[in-house]
């Protein structure tokens, strides 16, 4: 994990502001969805990019029983 040296306080509503520099580097725009993971004592934020659960492609996705699967993988199945 890479330290940034940036410290932010949690406000009374539980919000934390992501600094502009980080949003720019990670290509996070206003209203972009963010995934939240927990790993032991760490909270991990990741820009949400829906992709095929089999090949990780982001093209021609279809939702099958709550899972994203691309048309190519559907054809192969």
N, C-alpha and C. Protein backbone atom coordinates (compact mmCIF):
# COMPACT_ATOMS: atom_id res chain seq x y z
N UNK A 1 0.85 -1.17 0.00
CA UNK A 1 0.00 0.00 0.00
C UNK A 1 0.89 1.24 0.00
N UNK A 2 0.48 2.25 -0.75
CA UNK A 2 1.28 3.46 -0.88
C UNK A 2 0.70 4.58 -0.01
N UNK A 3 1.51 5.15 0.86
CA UNK A 3 1.07 6.25 1.72
C UNK A 3 1.00 7.55 0.91
N UNK A 4 -0.04 8.36 1.17
CA UNK A 4 -0.18 9.63 0.46
C UNK A 4 0.18 10.81 1.34
N UNK A 5 0.15 10.62 2.65
CA UNK A 5 0.41 11.72 3.57
C UNK A 5 -0.80 12.62 3.75
N UNK A 6 -1.92 12.25 3.17
CA UNK A 6 -3.15 13.04 3.26
C UNK A 6 -4.00 12.51 4.41
N UNK A 7 -4.45 13.41 5.27
CA UNK A 7 -5.32 13.03 6.39
C UNK A 7 -6.60 13.85 6.28
N UNK A 8 -7.72 13.18 6.41
CA UNK A 8 -9.03 13.85 6.38
C UNK A 8 -9.85 13.40 7.57
N UNK A 9 -10.71 14.27 8.09
CA UNK A 9 -11.60 13.93 9.19
C UNK A 9 -12.94 13.47 8.64
N UNK A 10 -13.59 12.57 9.36
CA UNK A 10 -14.94 12.14 9.04
C UNK A 10 -15.89 13.17 9.63
N UNK A 11 -16.85 13.67 8.81
CA UNK A 11 -17.77 14.67 9.34
C UNK A 11 -18.91 14.01 10.11
N UNK A 12 -19.82 14.83 10.63
CA UNK A 12 -20.89 14.31 11.49
C UNK A 12 -21.86 13.39 10.76
N UNK A 13 -21.85 13.40 9.44
CA UNK A 13 -22.69 12.48 8.66
C UNK A 13 -21.92 11.26 8.16
N UNK A 14 -20.66 11.12 8.58
CA UNK A 14 -19.85 9.97 8.20
C UNK A 14 -19.16 10.11 6.86
N UNK A 15 -19.10 11.32 6.33
CA UNK A 15 -18.50 11.56 5.01
C UNK A 15 -17.03 11.91 5.13
N UNK A 16 -16.28 11.53 4.09
CA UNK A 16 -14.86 11.88 3.97
C UNK A 16 -14.68 12.46 2.57
N UNK A 17 -14.00 13.58 2.46
CA UNK A 17 -13.75 14.21 1.17
C UNK A 17 -12.49 13.61 0.56
N UNK A 18 -12.61 13.14 -0.69
CA UNK A 18 -11.44 12.66 -1.43
C UNK A 18 -10.78 13.87 -2.09
N UNK A 19 -9.51 14.09 -1.82
CA UNK A 19 -8.84 15.27 -2.39
C UNK A 19 -8.85 15.25 -3.92
N UNK A 20 -8.93 16.42 -4.50
CA UNK A 20 -8.98 16.60 -5.95
C UNK A 20 -7.82 15.88 -6.63
N UNK A 21 -6.63 15.95 -6.04
CA UNK A 21 -5.44 15.32 -6.63
C UNK A 21 -5.65 13.81 -6.80
N UNK A 22 -6.22 13.16 -5.78
CA UNK A 22 -6.47 11.73 -5.87
C UNK A 22 -7.55 11.41 -6.89
N UNK A 23 -8.62 12.21 -6.90
CA UNK A 23 -9.69 11.99 -7.87
C UNK A 23 -9.18 12.15 -9.30
N UNK A 24 -8.29 13.10 -9.51
CA UNK A 24 -7.73 13.31 -10.84
C UNK A 24 -6.85 12.12 -11.25
N UNK A 25 -5.97 11.70 -10.37
CA UNK A 25 -5.06 10.59 -10.67
C UNK A 25 -5.83 9.29 -10.92
N UNK A 26 -6.90 9.07 -10.16
CA UNK A 26 -7.67 7.83 -10.27
C UNK A 26 -8.86 7.95 -11.22
N UNK A 27 -8.96 9.08 -11.93
CA UNK A 27 -10.02 9.32 -12.91
C UNK A 27 -11.41 9.14 -12.28
N UNK A 28 -11.61 9.73 -11.11
CA UNK A 28 -12.90 9.69 -10.44
C UNK A 28 -13.58 11.03 -10.63
N UNK A 29 -14.75 10.99 -11.27
CA UNK A 29 -15.52 12.21 -11.55
C UNK A 29 -16.65 12.33 -10.54
N UNK A 30 -17.27 13.50 -10.48
CA UNK A 30 -18.42 13.73 -9.61
C UNK A 30 -19.52 12.74 -9.99
N UNK A 31 -20.11 12.12 -8.98
CA UNK A 31 -21.20 11.13 -9.11
C UNK A 31 -20.75 9.76 -9.62
N UNK A 32 -19.44 9.53 -9.80
CA UNK A 32 -18.96 8.19 -10.15
C UNK A 32 -19.23 7.25 -8.99
N UNK A 33 -19.67 6.02 -9.26
CA UNK A 33 -19.86 5.06 -8.17
C UNK A 33 -18.51 4.55 -7.66
N UNK A 34 -18.44 4.33 -6.36
CA UNK A 34 -17.23 3.86 -5.69
C UNK A 34 -17.57 2.58 -4.93
N UNK A 35 -16.76 1.53 -5.12
CA UNK A 35 -16.94 0.30 -4.35
C UNK A 35 -16.17 0.42 -3.04
N UNK A 36 -16.71 -0.16 -1.99
CA UNK A 36 -16.07 -0.12 -0.67
C UNK A 36 -15.78 -1.55 -0.24
N UNK A 37 -14.52 -1.82 0.06
CA UNK A 37 -14.08 -3.13 0.54
C UNK A 37 -13.52 -2.97 1.94
N UNK A 38 -13.56 -4.03 2.72
CA UNK A 38 -12.93 -4.05 4.03
C UNK A 38 -11.96 -5.22 4.06
N UNK A 39 -10.71 -4.95 4.47
CA UNK A 39 -9.68 -5.97 4.59
C UNK A 39 -9.03 -5.80 5.95
N UNK A 40 -9.42 -6.67 6.89
CA UNK A 40 -8.98 -6.55 8.28
C UNK A 40 -9.31 -5.15 8.80
N UNK A 41 -8.30 -4.33 9.07
CA UNK A 41 -8.53 -2.99 9.62
C UNK A 41 -8.49 -1.89 8.55
N UNK A 42 -8.47 -2.28 7.29
CA UNK A 42 -8.37 -1.31 6.20
C UNK A 42 -9.70 -1.15 5.48
N UNK A 43 -10.01 0.08 5.09
CA UNK A 43 -11.14 0.37 4.22
C UNK A 43 -10.54 0.71 2.86
N UNK A 44 -10.98 0.01 1.82
CA UNK A 44 -10.43 0.19 0.48
C UNK A 44 -11.53 0.75 -0.41
N UNK A 45 -11.26 1.87 -1.06
CA UNK A 45 -12.19 2.48 -2.00
C UNK A 45 -11.67 2.24 -3.40
N UNK A 46 -12.59 1.86 -4.31
CA UNK A 46 -12.19 1.58 -5.68
C UNK A 46 -13.28 2.11 -6.61
N UNK A 47 -12.88 2.76 -7.70
CA UNK A 47 -13.85 3.21 -8.68
C UNK A 47 -14.58 1.98 -9.22
N UNK A 48 -15.89 2.03 -9.21
CA UNK A 48 -16.70 0.89 -9.63
C UNK A 48 -16.74 0.83 -11.15
N UNK A 49 -16.28 -0.27 -11.69
CA UNK A 49 -16.32 -0.53 -13.12
C UNK A 49 -16.96 -1.89 -13.32
N UNK A 50 -18.24 -1.92 -13.66
CA UNK A 50 -18.88 -3.22 -13.86
C UNK A 50 -18.23 -3.95 -15.03
N UNK A 51 -17.97 -5.22 -14.86
CA UNK A 51 -17.35 -6.00 -15.92
C UNK A 51 -17.86 -7.43 -15.88
N UNK A 52 -17.56 -8.16 -16.92
CA UNK A 52 -17.96 -9.56 -17.01
C UNK A 52 -17.28 -10.35 -15.89
N UNK A 53 -18.05 -11.18 -15.20
CA UNK A 53 -17.48 -11.95 -14.09
C UNK A 53 -16.56 -13.06 -14.58
N UNK A 54 -16.62 -13.38 -15.87
CA UNK A 54 -15.78 -14.46 -16.40
C UNK A 54 -14.49 -13.95 -17.04
N UNK A 55 -14.60 -12.90 -17.86
CA UNK A 55 -13.41 -12.44 -18.60
C UNK A 55 -13.01 -11.00 -18.28
N UNK A 56 -13.81 -10.31 -17.46
CA UNK A 56 -13.58 -8.93 -17.03
C UNK A 56 -13.73 -7.89 -18.15
N UNK A 57 -14.30 -8.29 -19.29
CA UNK A 57 -14.58 -7.34 -20.37
C UNK A 57 -15.68 -6.39 -19.90
N UNK A 58 -15.66 -5.16 -20.43
CA UNK A 58 -16.69 -4.19 -20.07
C UNK A 58 -17.58 -3.90 -21.28
N UNK A 59 -17.47 -4.71 -22.33
CA UNK A 59 -18.25 -4.51 -23.56
C UNK A 59 -19.43 -5.47 -23.61
N UNK A 60 -20.55 -4.98 -24.13
CA UNK A 60 -21.74 -5.80 -24.38
C UNK A 60 -22.17 -6.63 -23.17
N UNK A 61 -22.30 -5.98 -22.02
CA UNK A 61 -22.67 -6.70 -20.80
C UNK A 61 -24.17 -6.94 -20.73
N UNK A 62 -24.54 -8.09 -20.21
CA UNK A 62 -25.92 -8.42 -19.91
C UNK A 62 -25.97 -8.90 -18.46
N UNK A 63 -27.05 -8.54 -17.79
CA UNK A 63 -27.22 -8.95 -16.40
C UNK A 63 -27.97 -10.28 -16.37
N UNK A 64 -27.29 -11.32 -15.88
CA UNK A 64 -27.88 -12.66 -15.79
C UNK A 64 -27.94 -13.05 -14.32
N UNK A 65 -29.14 -13.10 -13.76
CA UNK A 65 -29.33 -13.43 -12.34
C UNK A 65 -28.46 -12.57 -11.43
N UNK A 66 -28.39 -11.28 -11.73
CA UNK A 66 -27.65 -10.35 -10.87
C UNK A 66 -26.15 -10.30 -11.14
N UNK A 67 -25.68 -11.01 -12.15
CA UNK A 67 -24.25 -11.03 -12.48
C UNK A 67 -24.05 -10.48 -13.89
N UNK A 68 -22.99 -9.69 -14.10
CA UNK A 68 -22.68 -9.18 -15.42
C UNK A 68 -21.89 -10.21 -16.22
N UNK A 69 -22.40 -10.55 -17.39
CA UNK A 69 -21.72 -11.48 -18.29
C UNK A 69 -21.77 -10.87 -19.69
N UNK A 70 -20.64 -10.84 -20.39
CA UNK A 70 -20.61 -10.27 -21.73
C UNK A 70 -21.21 -11.27 -22.74
N UNK A 71 -21.64 -10.73 -23.87
CA UNK A 71 -22.27 -11.56 -24.89
C UNK A 71 -21.34 -12.65 -25.40
N UNK A 72 -20.06 -12.36 -25.50
CA UNK A 72 -19.09 -13.34 -25.97
C UNK A 72 -19.04 -14.55 -25.03
N UNK A 73 -19.00 -14.30 -23.72
CA UNK A 73 -18.96 -15.40 -22.75
C UNK A 73 -20.28 -16.17 -22.75
N UNK A 74 -21.40 -15.47 -22.93
CA UNK A 74 -22.69 -16.14 -22.99
C UNK A 74 -22.70 -17.11 -24.17
N UNK A 75 -22.19 -16.66 -25.32
CA UNK A 75 -22.13 -17.51 -26.51
C UNK A 75 -21.24 -18.73 -26.26
N UNK A 76 -20.11 -18.53 -25.58
CA UNK A 76 -19.19 -19.63 -25.32
C UNK A 76 -19.78 -20.65 -24.35
N UNK A 77 -20.65 -20.20 -23.46
CA UNK A 77 -21.28 -21.11 -22.51
C UNK A 77 -22.31 -21.97 -23.21
